[in-house]
Protein backbone atom coordinates (compact mmCIF):
# COMPACT_ATOMS: atom_id res chain seq x y z
CA MET A 1 -2.97 27.65 -19.65
CA SER A 2 -2.08 27.03 -16.01
CA ALA A 3 1.15 25.47 -14.82
CA VAL A 4 1.24 21.87 -13.66
CA LYS A 5 1.49 21.89 -9.86
CA ILE A 6 3.78 19.87 -7.60
CA ILE A 7 2.00 17.55 -5.15
CA ASP A 8 3.33 18.17 -1.62
CA PHE A 9 2.36 15.22 0.61
CA GLN A 10 3.19 17.14 3.81
CA ASN A 11 0.74 19.96 3.06
CA SER A 12 -1.99 17.98 1.33
CA THR A 13 -5.66 18.74 1.84
CA VAL A 14 -6.74 15.38 0.37
CA LEU A 15 -9.39 13.71 2.52
CA THR A 16 -8.57 10.38 4.15
CA SER A 17 -10.80 7.42 3.34
CA THR A 18 -11.08 4.46 5.70
CA SER A 19 -12.02 0.85 5.05
CA SER A 20 -11.61 -2.70 6.30
CA VAL A 21 -9.99 -5.61 4.48
CA GLU A 22 -12.71 -7.61 2.71
CA PRO A 23 -13.77 -10.64 4.82
CA GLU A 24 -12.89 -13.11 2.04
CA ARG A 25 -9.25 -11.85 2.01
CA ARG A 26 -8.73 -11.79 5.80
CA LEU A 27 -6.38 -14.41 7.22
CA SER A 28 -6.29 -12.97 10.76
CA GLY A 29 -7.72 -9.94 12.50
CA ALA A 30 -9.98 -7.33 10.92
CA PRO A 31 -7.61 -4.44 10.30
CA GLU A 32 -8.91 -0.95 9.69
CA GLN A 33 -7.04 0.88 6.96
CA SER A 34 -6.82 4.50 5.83
CA LEU A 35 -5.81 5.92 2.46
CA GLN A 36 -4.90 9.32 1.08
CA ASN A 37 -4.52 9.04 -2.68
CA MET A 38 -2.52 12.21 -3.38
CA TYR A 39 -2.01 11.71 -7.11
CA ALA A 40 -3.68 9.87 -9.98
CA SER A 41 -2.58 10.21 -13.59
CA ALA A 42 -5.23 11.08 -16.18
CA ALA A 43 -5.36 7.43 -17.26
CA LYS A 44 -5.48 6.29 -13.58
CA ASP A 45 -2.56 3.94 -14.29
CA LEU A 46 -0.19 5.74 -11.88
CA LEU A 47 -1.28 6.40 -8.28
CA SER A 48 0.61 7.75 -5.28
CA GLY A 49 -0.20 8.61 -1.70
CA THR A 50 -0.13 7.42 1.90
CA TRP A 51 -1.72 4.34 3.43
CA SER A 52 -1.91 2.95 6.95
CA SER A 53 -3.24 -0.20 8.58
CA GLU A 54 -3.83 -1.72 11.98
CA VAL A 55 -2.51 -5.20 12.89
CA GLY A 56 -3.82 -8.11 10.80
CA LYS A 57 -3.07 -10.42 7.89
CA TRP A 58 -4.72 -10.77 4.48
CA SER A 59 -4.14 -12.27 1.04
CA VAL A 60 -2.82 -10.08 -1.78
CA ASP A 61 -2.74 -10.43 -5.56
CA TYR A 62 -0.58 -8.06 -7.59
CA SER A 63 -1.44 -9.62 -10.95
CA GLN A 64 -2.22 -6.22 -12.51
CA ARG A 65 0.04 -3.73 -10.74
CA HIS A 66 3.52 -2.93 -9.46
CA GLU A 67 3.90 -1.12 -6.13
CA PHE A 68 6.79 0.82 -4.61
CA CYS A 69 6.52 1.23 -0.82
CA TYR A 70 8.45 3.25 1.74
CA LEU A 71 7.47 2.45 5.33
CA ILE A 72 7.08 5.55 7.48
CA LYS A 73 6.32 3.54 10.63
CA GLY A 74 5.54 0.00 11.69
CA HIS A 75 6.57 -3.56 10.88
CA ILE A 76 5.23 -5.91 8.19
CA VAL A 77 5.89 -9.36 6.76
CA LEU A 78 5.14 -10.18 3.12
CA ALA A 79 4.98 -13.88 2.24
CA ASP A 80 4.84 -15.24 -1.29
CA GLU A 81 2.84 -18.28 -2.43
CA ASP A 82 5.79 -20.55 -1.58
CA GLY A 83 5.88 -19.22 1.99
CA GLU A 84 9.11 -17.24 1.58
CA GLU A 85 8.91 -14.21 3.88
CA SER A 86 10.30 -10.69 3.55
CA THR A 87 10.27 -8.48 6.65
CA PHE A 88 10.22 -4.68 6.51
CA LYS A 89 10.26 -1.97 9.19
CA ALA A 90 10.06 1.83 9.28
CA GLY A 91 12.67 3.34 6.97
CA ASP A 92 12.67 0.38 4.55
CA ALA A 93 11.77 0.72 0.87
CA PHE A 94 10.78 -2.11 -1.47
CA VAL A 95 8.96 -2.96 -4.70
CA ILE A 96 6.23 -5.56 -5.09
CA PRO A 97 6.42 -6.59 -8.76
CA VAL A 98 3.47 -7.44 -10.96
CA GLY A 99 2.58 -11.12 -10.55
CA PHE A 100 3.26 -11.34 -6.79
CA LYS A 101 0.66 -13.34 -4.86
CA GLY A 102 0.76 -14.14 -1.18
CA SER A 103 -0.02 -12.42 2.11
CA TRP A 104 0.57 -9.07 3.77
CA GLU A 105 0.85 -9.16 7.57
CA VAL A 106 1.01 -6.07 9.75
CA ILE A 107 2.93 -6.91 12.94
CA GLU A 108 2.89 -3.33 14.31
CA PRO A 109 0.55 -0.59 13.02
CA VAL A 110 2.04 0.61 9.75
CA SER A 111 2.07 3.71 7.53
CA LYS A 112 3.66 3.95 4.10
CA TYR A 113 4.16 6.11 1.06
CA TYR A 114 3.23 4.23 -2.09
CA VAL A 115 3.46 4.51 -5.86
CA ILE A 116 1.30 2.07 -7.83
CA TYR A 117 1.59 1.45 -11.55
CA ASN A 118 -1.43 -0.39 -12.95
CA VAL A 119 -0.58 -2.46 -16.02
CA ALA A 120 -4.14 -3.42 -16.98
């Protein structure tokens, strides 16, 4: 039996995948995004890694997941369905709870560490 290994984000060899926000979710711009999913539990209900995005705005629906974020760089604004805004910059940490719906706007190119817990 081999020992369970620690995942070191700084020395990861995980390949980066790139994508664009789906056209039906875009509210402004057409931001390119990149993702390095460093960890996935066996059940795929817990994910962790790094993510980055160019400037833009899109709708989000967290009806089936919680997400912890720590911004490495950049500036974002999250707005809920009622229009209440939360602004975050590099060095900030926050949790988006299951059930949140609204928009994610990247004001300055952003990178973050994330931990996602899928509830469904």
